[in-house]
């Protein structure tokens, strides 16, 4: 679950209605709220922020303000006092993690093969017509 806050230039109710309809049609969106005063749109669900912005840019100017976890209700449990080490990661390690994630995503999308064209010869096509 993610909470995505977008800055959207909504000038009137007609554009707001179109934007809400376009965003609500994306799979994984659970709730949509728009604030005309601050020109912000908040989406909650399992969604890709880049996909959402791409869809909204067809209607109006849109930018990503923030992406974070959705606030969920927390059950009160007895807290255990544990000391966690406050070890900060080295920037090179963080970069390596991001690079590995990007490579995995890139390889996943690159390996999808789509047939761009399909051809059949006249002999294979029973409805083919040849004038001799």
N, C-alpha and C. Protein backbone atom coordinates (compact mmCIF):
# COMPACT_ATOMS: atom_id res chain seq x y z
N UNK A 1 0.85 -1.18 0.00
CA UNK A 1 0.00 0.00 0.00
C UNK A 1 0.89 1.24 0.00
N UNK A 2 0.60 2.12 -0.93
CA UNK A 2 1.35 3.36 -1.03
C UNK A 2 0.40 4.54 -0.96
N UNK A 3 0.92 5.63 -0.46
CA UNK A 3 0.19 6.89 -0.50
C UNK A 3 0.97 7.82 -1.41
N UNK A 4 0.35 8.22 -2.50
CA UNK A 4 0.99 9.06 -3.50
C UNK A 4 0.30 10.42 -3.50
N UNK A 5 1.09 11.47 -3.32
CA UNK A 5 0.55 12.83 -3.35
C UNK A 5 1.08 13.50 -4.62
N UNK A 6 0.16 13.99 -5.44
CA UNK A 6 0.51 14.61 -6.71
C UNK A 6 0.09 16.07 -6.74
N UNK A 7 0.88 16.88 -7.42
CA UNK A 7 0.48 18.26 -7.67
C UNK A 7 -0.13 18.28 -9.06
N UNK A 8 -1.41 18.64 -9.13
CA UNK A 8 -2.15 18.59 -10.38
C UNK A 8 -2.79 19.95 -10.62
N UNK A 9 -2.67 20.47 -11.83
CA UNK A 9 -3.28 21.75 -12.17
C UNK A 9 -4.72 21.52 -12.61
N UNK A 10 -5.62 21.56 -11.65
CA UNK A 10 -7.05 21.38 -11.91
C UNK A 10 -7.70 22.77 -11.93
N UNK A 11 -8.08 23.22 -13.11
CA UNK A 11 -8.63 24.56 -13.24
C UNK A 11 -10.11 24.63 -12.93
N UNK A 12 -10.84 23.61 -13.35
CA UNK A 12 -12.29 23.63 -13.13
C UNK A 12 -12.78 22.23 -12.80
N UNK A 13 -14.07 22.12 -12.52
CA UNK A 13 -14.65 20.85 -12.11
C UNK A 13 -14.65 19.82 -13.24
N UNK A 14 -14.69 20.28 -14.47
CA UNK A 14 -14.72 19.35 -15.61
C UNK A 14 -13.40 18.59 -15.70
N UNK A 15 -12.29 19.29 -15.57
CA UNK A 15 -10.99 18.63 -15.61
C UNK A 15 -10.80 17.75 -14.38
N UNK A 16 -11.28 18.21 -13.24
CA UNK A 16 -11.19 17.41 -12.01
C UNK A 16 -11.94 16.10 -12.18
N UNK A 17 -13.12 16.16 -12.77
CA UNK A 17 -13.93 14.97 -12.97
C UNK A 17 -13.23 14.00 -13.92
N UNK A 18 -12.64 14.53 -15.00
CA UNK A 18 -11.92 13.67 -15.95
C UNK A 18 -10.70 13.03 -15.30
N UNK A 19 -9.97 13.81 -14.50
CA UNK A 19 -8.78 13.28 -13.83
C UNK A 19 -9.16 12.20 -12.82
N UNK A 20 -10.20 12.44 -12.05
CA UNK A 20 -10.64 11.44 -11.06
C UNK A 20 -11.07 10.15 -11.76
N UNK A 21 -11.76 10.28 -12.89
CA UNK A 21 -12.22 9.11 -13.63
C UNK A 21 -11.04 8.34 -14.21
N UNK A 22 -10.06 9.06 -14.75
CA UNK A 22 -8.90 8.40 -15.34
C UNK A 22 -8.08 7.67 -14.27
N UNK A 23 -7.89 8.30 -13.13
CA UNK A 23 -7.07 7.70 -12.08
C UNK A 23 -7.79 6.54 -11.40
N UNK A 24 -9.09 6.66 -11.22
CA UNK A 24 -9.82 5.59 -10.55
C UNK A 24 -9.89 4.33 -11.41
N UNK A 25 -9.66 4.46 -12.70
CA UNK A 25 -9.68 3.30 -13.59
C UNK A 25 -8.41 2.48 -13.55
N UNK A 26 -7.36 2.99 -12.93
CA UNK A 26 -6.10 2.26 -12.85
C UNK A 26 -6.23 1.15 -11.82
N UNK A 27 -5.73 -0.03 -12.16
CA UNK A 27 -5.85 -1.15 -11.23
C UNK A 27 -4.96 -0.92 -10.01
N UNK A 28 -5.49 -1.22 -8.86
CA UNK A 28 -4.76 -1.09 -7.60
C UNK A 28 -5.12 0.15 -6.81
N UNK A 29 -5.86 1.08 -7.40
CA UNK A 29 -6.23 2.30 -6.71
C UNK A 29 -7.39 2.00 -5.77
N UNK A 30 -7.22 2.33 -4.49
CA UNK A 30 -8.28 2.09 -3.52
C UNK A 30 -9.04 3.36 -3.17
N UNK A 31 -8.35 4.48 -3.05
CA UNK A 31 -9.06 5.72 -2.76
C UNK A 31 -8.37 6.89 -3.46
N UNK A 32 -9.21 7.84 -3.87
CA UNK A 32 -8.73 9.03 -4.58
C UNK A 32 -9.37 10.23 -3.91
N UNK A 33 -8.55 11.25 -3.64
CA UNK A 33 -9.10 12.50 -3.13
C UNK A 33 -8.37 13.65 -3.80
N UNK A 34 -9.12 14.68 -4.16
CA UNK A 34 -8.55 15.83 -4.82
C UNK A 34 -8.87 17.08 -4.02
N UNK A 35 -7.89 17.96 -3.89
CA UNK A 35 -8.05 19.22 -3.20
C UNK A 35 -7.82 20.33 -4.21
N UNK A 36 -8.92 21.00 -4.60
CA UNK A 36 -8.83 22.04 -5.61
C UNK A 36 -8.09 23.27 -5.07
N UNK A 37 -8.20 23.51 -3.78
CA UNK A 37 -7.59 24.70 -3.19
C UNK A 37 -6.06 24.63 -3.27
N UNK A 38 -5.50 23.50 -2.84
CA UNK A 38 -4.06 23.31 -2.87
C UNK A 38 -3.57 22.69 -4.16
N UNK A 39 -4.48 22.32 -5.04
CA UNK A 39 -4.19 21.65 -6.30
C UNK A 39 -3.36 20.39 -6.07
N UNK A 40 -3.85 19.55 -5.14
CA UNK A 40 -3.20 18.28 -4.84
C UNK A 40 -4.18 17.14 -5.01
N UNK A 41 -3.66 16.00 -5.41
CA UNK A 41 -4.46 14.79 -5.53
C UNK A 41 -3.74 13.70 -4.74
N UNK A 42 -4.49 13.02 -3.88
CA UNK A 42 -3.92 11.97 -3.04
C UNK A 42 -4.52 10.64 -3.44
N UNK A 43 -3.65 9.66 -3.71
CA UNK A 43 -4.07 8.32 -4.10
C UNK A 43 -3.52 7.32 -3.10
N UNK A 44 -4.34 6.34 -2.75
CA UNK A 44 -3.91 5.29 -1.85
C UNK A 44 -4.20 3.96 -2.52
N UNK A 45 -3.21 3.08 -2.52
CA UNK A 45 -3.38 1.76 -3.11
C UNK A 45 -2.04 1.21 -3.55
N UNK A 46 -2.10 0.05 -4.18
CA UNK A 46 -0.90 -0.60 -4.69
C UNK A 46 -0.74 -0.17 -6.15
N UNK A 47 -0.08 1.00 -6.35
CA UNK A 47 -0.02 1.62 -7.67
C UNK A 47 1.40 2.06 -7.99
N UNK A 48 1.64 2.27 -9.27
CA UNK A 48 2.91 2.81 -9.74
C UNK A 48 2.73 4.31 -9.96
N UNK A 49 3.45 5.16 -9.20
CA UNK A 49 3.26 6.60 -9.33
C UNK A 49 3.57 7.14 -10.74
N UNK A 50 4.54 6.54 -11.40
CA UNK A 50 4.92 7.00 -12.74
C UNK A 50 3.78 6.73 -13.73
N UNK A 51 3.13 5.59 -13.58
CA UNK A 51 1.99 5.24 -14.44
C UNK A 51 0.85 6.22 -14.22
N UNK A 52 0.61 6.58 -12.98
CA UNK A 52 -0.48 7.50 -12.65
C UNK A 52 -0.20 8.88 -13.25
N UNK A 53 1.03 9.35 -13.10
CA UNK A 53 1.38 10.67 -13.64
C UNK A 53 1.30 10.66 -15.17
N UNK A 54 1.71 9.57 -15.78
CA UNK A 54 1.62 9.47 -17.23
C UNK A 54 0.19 9.55 -17.72
N UNK A 55 -0.71 8.94 -16.96
CA UNK A 55 -2.13 8.99 -17.32
C UNK A 55 -2.70 10.40 -17.14
N UNK A 56 -2.28 11.06 -16.06
CA UNK A 56 -2.81 12.40 -15.77
C UNK A 56 -2.24 13.47 -16.70
N UNK A 57 -1.03 13.28 -17.20
CA UNK A 57 -0.42 14.29 -18.06
C UNK A 57 -1.13 14.41 -19.40
N UNK A 58 -1.94 13.42 -19.74
CA UNK A 58 -2.74 13.53 -20.97
C UNK A 58 -3.86 14.55 -20.79
N UNK A 59 -4.22 14.81 -19.53
CA UNK A 59 -5.32 15.74 -19.25
C UNK A 59 -4.82 17.10 -18.78
N UNK A 60 -3.81 17.10 -17.91
CA UNK A 60 -3.32 18.35 -17.33
C UNK A 60 -1.90 18.13 -16.83
N UNK A 61 -1.27 19.20 -16.38
CA UNK A 61 0.09 19.11 -15.85
C UNK A 61 0.06 18.42 -14.49
N UNK A 62 0.94 17.43 -14.30
CA UNK A 62 0.97 16.69 -13.04
C UNK A 62 2.42 16.43 -12.63
N UNK A 63 2.68 16.50 -11.32
CA UNK A 63 3.99 16.22 -10.75
C UNK A 63 3.83 15.38 -9.50
N UNK A 64 4.84 14.56 -9.21
CA UNK A 64 4.83 13.76 -7.98
C UNK A 64 5.42 14.61 -6.85
N UNK A 65 4.65 14.78 -5.78
CA UNK A 65 5.15 15.49 -4.60
C UNK A 65 5.78 14.53 -3.61
N UNK A 66 5.07 13.44 -3.28
CA UNK A 66 5.63 12.49 -2.32
C UNK A 66 5.02 11.11 -2.54
N UNK A 67 5.82 10.10 -2.21
CA UNK A 67 5.40 8.71 -2.25
C UNK A 67 5.83 8.08 -0.94
N UNK A 68 4.90 7.45 -0.25
CA UNK A 68 5.24 6.83 1.02
C UNK A 68 4.22 5.77 1.39
N UNK A 69 4.44 5.11 2.50
CA UNK A 69 3.50 4.08 2.92
C UNK A 69 2.19 4.71 3.38
N UNK A 70 1.10 4.00 3.13
CA UNK A 70 -0.21 4.47 3.57
C UNK A 70 -0.30 4.28 5.08
N UNK A 71 -0.93 5.22 5.74
CA UNK A 71 -1.07 5.12 7.19
C UNK A 71 -2.13 4.07 7.51
N UNK A 72 -1.70 3.06 8.21
CA UNK A 72 -2.62 1.99 8.60
C UNK A 72 -2.84 2.05 10.11
N UNK A 73 -3.96 1.54 10.51
CA UNK A 73 -4.26 1.52 11.94
C UNK A 73 -3.32 0.55 12.63
N UNK A 74 -2.69 1.03 13.68
CA UNK A 74 -1.75 0.19 14.41
C UNK A 74 -2.41 -0.29 15.69
N UNK A 75 -2.27 -1.57 15.93
CA UNK A 75 -2.80 -2.14 17.16
C UNK A 75 -1.77 -1.92 18.27
N UNK A 76 -2.28 -1.54 19.40
CA UNK A 76 -1.38 -1.30 20.52
C UNK A 76 -0.94 -2.63 21.13
N UNK A 77 0.33 -2.85 21.09
CA UNK A 77 0.90 -4.07 21.65
C UNK A 77 1.91 -3.66 22.72
N UNK A 78 2.15 -4.53 23.65
CA UNK A 78 3.17 -4.18 24.65
C UNK A 78 4.51 -3.97 23.96
N UNK A 79 5.08 -2.82 24.24
CA UNK A 79 6.33 -2.47 23.57
C UNK A 79 7.50 -3.12 24.29
N UNK A 80 8.35 -3.69 23.48
CA UNK A 80 9.56 -4.28 24.02
C UNK A 80 10.70 -3.32 23.77
N UNK A 81 11.44 -3.11 24.79
CA UNK A 81 12.56 -2.18 24.66
C UNK A 81 13.77 -2.92 24.12
N UNK A 82 14.06 -2.62 22.89
CA UNK A 82 15.23 -3.21 22.25
C UNK A 82 16.05 -2.08 21.67
N UNK A 83 17.31 -2.22 21.80
CA UNK A 83 18.18 -1.20 21.24
C UNK A 83 18.56 -1.62 19.83
N UNK A 84 18.23 -0.75 18.90
CA UNK A 84 18.57 -1.02 17.51
C UNK A 84 19.84 -0.24 17.17
N UNK A 85 20.73 -0.88 16.48
CA UNK A 85 21.93 -0.13 16.10
C UNK A 85 21.58 0.91 15.04
N UNK A 86 22.05 2.12 15.25
CA UNK A 86 21.79 3.22 14.32
C UNK A 86 22.91 3.32 13.30
N UNK A 87 23.13 2.22 12.64
CA UNK A 87 24.20 2.19 11.64
C UNK A 87 23.65 2.72 10.32
N UNK A 88 24.23 3.78 9.85
CA UNK A 88 23.81 4.34 8.57
C UNK A 88 24.55 3.61 7.45
N UNK A 89 23.85 3.41 6.37
CA UNK A 89 24.45 2.71 5.24
C UNK A 89 25.39 3.65 4.49
N UNK A 90 26.38 3.04 3.96
CA UNK A 90 27.33 3.77 3.13
C UNK A 90 26.62 4.17 1.83
N UNK A 91 26.84 5.37 1.32
CA UNK A 91 26.17 5.79 0.07
C UNK A 91 26.47 4.84 -1.09
N UNK A 92 27.65 4.24 -1.09
CA UNK A 92 27.97 3.29 -2.16
C UNK A 92 27.11 2.04 -2.06
N UNK A 93 26.81 1.60 -0.83
CA UNK A 93 25.96 0.43 -0.64
C UNK A 93 24.53 0.74 -1.07
N UNK A 94 24.05 1.93 -0.73
CA UNK A 94 22.70 2.33 -1.15
C UNK A 94 22.62 2.39 -2.67
N UNK A 95 23.65 2.94 -3.30
CA UNK A 95 23.68 3.02 -4.76
C UNK A 95 23.69 1.62 -5.36
N UNK A 96 24.44 0.70 -4.76
CA UNK A 96 24.50 -0.67 -5.27
C UNK A 96 23.13 -1.35 -5.17
N UNK A 97 22.41 -1.12 -4.07
CA UNK A 97 21.08 -1.70 -3.91
C UNK A 97 20.12 -1.16 -4.97
N UNK A 98 20.16 0.17 -5.18
CA UNK A 98 19.29 0.77 -6.19
C UNK A 98 19.64 0.26 -7.58
N UNK A 99 20.91 0.09 -7.86
CA UNK A 99 21.34 -0.40 -9.16
C UNK A 99 20.84 -1.83 -9.39
N UNK A 100 20.93 -2.67 -8.36
CA UNK A 100 20.44 -4.05 -8.48
C UNK A 100 18.94 -4.08 -8.72
N UNK A 101 18.20 -3.22 -8.02
CA UNK A 101 16.75 -3.17 -8.21
C UNK A 101 16.41 -2.70 -9.62
N UNK A 102 17.13 -1.70 -10.12
CA UNK A 102 16.88 -1.19 -11.47
C UNK A 102 17.20 -2.25 -12.51
N UNK A 103 18.33 -2.97 -12.32
CA UNK A 103 18.69 -4.01 -13.28
C UNK A 103 17.65 -5.11 -13.31
N UNK A 104 17.13 -5.49 -12.16
CA UNK A 104 16.10 -6.52 -12.11
C UNK A 104 14.84 -6.05 -12.85
N UNK A 105 14.45 -4.80 -12.64
CA UNK A 105 13.27 -4.26 -13.32
C UNK A 105 13.52 -4.17 -14.82
N UNK A 106 14.68 -3.69 -15.22
CA UNK A 106 14.99 -3.54 -16.63
C UNK A 106 15.01 -4.89 -17.33
N UNK A 107 15.65 -5.88 -16.71
CA UNK A 107 15.72 -7.21 -17.32
C UNK A 107 14.35 -7.84 -17.42
N UNK A 108 13.50 -7.58 -16.44
CA UNK A 108 12.15 -8.14 -16.46
C UNK A 108 11.35 -7.57 -17.62
N UNK A 109 11.44 -6.27 -17.84
CA UNK A 109 10.66 -5.65 -18.92
C UNK A 109 11.29 -5.92 -20.28
N UNK A 110 12.60 -6.08 -20.33
CA UNK A 110 13.27 -6.28 -21.60
C UNK A 110 13.02 -7.67 -22.14
N UNK A 111 12.84 -8.65 -21.28
CA UNK A 111 12.69 -10.03 -21.73
C UNK A 111 11.30 -10.36 -22.26
N UNK A 112 10.36 -9.46 -22.09
CA UNK A 112 9.02 -9.71 -22.60
C UNK A 112 9.06 -9.55 -24.11
N UNK A 113 8.78 -10.64 -24.80
CA UNK A 113 8.81 -10.62 -26.25
C UNK A 113 7.41 -10.43 -26.79
N UNK A 114 7.25 -9.50 -27.68
CA UNK A 114 5.97 -9.25 -28.32
C UNK A 114 6.14 -9.49 -29.82
N UNK A 115 5.27 -10.31 -30.40
CA UNK A 115 5.37 -10.49 -31.86
C UNK A 115 4.87 -9.24 -32.56
N UNK A 116 5.74 -8.61 -33.31
CA UNK A 116 5.37 -7.39 -33.99
C UNK A 116 4.60 -7.65 -35.28
N UNK A 117 4.91 -8.75 -35.89
CA UNK A 117 4.19 -9.08 -37.12
C UNK A 117 4.10 -10.58 -37.26
N UNK A 118 3.15 -11.01 -38.03
CA UNK A 118 2.93 -12.41 -38.28
C UNK A 118 2.58 -12.54 -39.74
N UNK A 119 3.22 -13.44 -40.42
CA UNK A 119 2.92 -13.59 -41.83
C UNK A 119 2.66 -15.05 -42.14
N UNK A 120 1.83 -15.27 -43.15
CA UNK A 120 1.53 -16.62 -43.62
C UNK A 120 1.65 -16.62 -45.13
N UNK A 121 2.10 -17.73 -45.65
CA UNK A 121 2.22 -17.83 -47.09
C UNK A 121 0.87 -18.20 -47.68
N UNK A 122 0.76 -18.09 -48.99
CA UNK A 122 -0.51 -18.38 -49.67
C UNK A 122 -0.85 -19.86 -49.53
N UNK A 123 0.17 -20.72 -49.51
CA UNK A 123 -0.09 -22.16 -49.40
C UNK A 123 -0.67 -22.52 -48.03
N UNK A 124 -0.28 -21.79 -46.99
CA UNK A 124 -0.76 -22.07 -45.65
C UNK A 124 -2.16 -21.51 -45.42
N UNK A 125 -2.52 -20.46 -46.12
CA UNK A 125 -3.79 -19.78 -45.91
C UNK A 125 -4.87 -20.44 -46.76
N UNK A 126 -5.88 -21.06 -46.14
CA UNK A 126 -6.94 -21.71 -46.93
C UNK A 126 -7.82 -20.69 -47.68
N UNK A 127 -7.87 -19.46 -47.23
CA UNK A 127 -8.69 -18.45 -47.90
C UNK A 127 -7.88 -17.61 -48.88
N UNK A 128 -6.61 -17.96 -49.07
CA UNK A 128 -5.76 -17.19 -49.96
C UNK A 128 -6.21 -17.34 -51.41
N UNK A 129 -6.01 -16.31 -52.17
CA UNK A 129 -6.43 -16.31 -53.56
C UNK A 129 -5.21 -16.02 -54.44
N UNK A 130 -4.95 -16.90 -55.39
CA UNK A 130 -3.84 -16.71 -56.29
C UNK A 130 -4.38 -16.80 -57.72
N UNK A 131 -4.05 -15.82 -58.51
CA UNK A 131 -4.47 -15.83 -59.92
C UNK A 131 -3.29 -16.32 -60.74
N UNK A 132 -3.53 -17.41 -61.45
CA UNK A 132 -2.45 -18.01 -62.24
C UNK A 132 -2.49 -17.57 -63.68
